[in-house]
Amino acid sequence: MAKIGRLLTAMVTPFNENGGVDYGQAQKLALALLNSGSDGLVIVGTTGESPTLIRWEESRLFAEIKKVLGERGAVIAGTGSNSTAEAVETTKAAEKIGVDACLLVVPYYNKPTQDGLYEHFKTIAENTKLPCILYNVPSRTSVNLSADTTIKLSRINNIIGIKEASGDMKQVAKIINGASDDFLIWSGNDSDTLAILKLGGYGVISVASHLMGNHIKEMIEAFEKGDINKAESIDRFLAPLVKTLFLVSNPIPVKYALNYIGFRVGKPRLPLTPPDATTAAAIKVTLKHYRQRLSISVEK
């Protein structure tokens, strides 16, 4: 099993001209991301357009990415659902494929209580041997996984960490102070990465690493070595790009950016659409400032 590192990219799902998943291009992108600093990849997360992928497409993506990465980098499968039974079934299937871990999003739409959230994640964890990473993103799910519930879940052996995208640093601090010693916190927002590291977090599950992976890795390594000034300098350098990548719903901007620099990933699937002219122009302007320092190798 590949080690689950500090810098994980929430990888986009490439589509071809007909709107189908481009598995060959997904493999190329996966390798390019590892070559530009990522320790592993989250497949079929929010950035991977999980709401519009069919389960068989997801399973094939997990298999194709794991096949090409091998032990070079961790493959974390997005197997969460707002149906506990479906999440259990999907996680079991991903485990058979051979992924390294699963990412379990807080159930969306049905708005469970904190007791319901605890039982949901506990049930999934009990039905797999995979390491489980929780994913708290209340801006998309409408429900916040509280610090107290997260701390309680951290006592379950194969729940190893959380992708925290609440943006609430008080909540992050409470989790770090109260969770099991080996429980890991990945920032779920690129803009929060350094702040969470300063609180005692582990790393980031990133969108910006599609373009600037080596720089994000350098920031994390500088922080770990105690070079706070360098880490803060890199964080400031990345800030305008991070802001641009979230001008409209992710992954619309990052897909446009990848296509624009020459790495073909196709359009988003409906109901997502390519950016409007104003947003596209803003992305292009921002990319001009970073073009000479991009980490990802563009296709020949």
Foldseek 3Di string as FASTA:
>chain_A
DADAAFEEAADAFFADPVRHTDLVLLQVLQVLLLQLAHQAYEALDVQNVVVPDDLVSQLVNLLSNCVSCPRSHAYEYAQAELDLVSSLVSQVSSVVSPGQAYEYEQYADVADDLVVSLVSVVVSVVSDPHQYEYEAACVGRVDGNFLVSLQVSLVRVRPAEYADAPPDVVRLLSNCVRHDVRYAYAHAALLCFVVSVVSPHGHYHDHCSSWNNNLRNVLNVCVVVVVPVSNVVSSVVCVLVSVLCVPDDPPQLSQLLCVVLASHRDFDDPPDGHDDPVSSVSSVVVCVVCVVPTSGDHDD
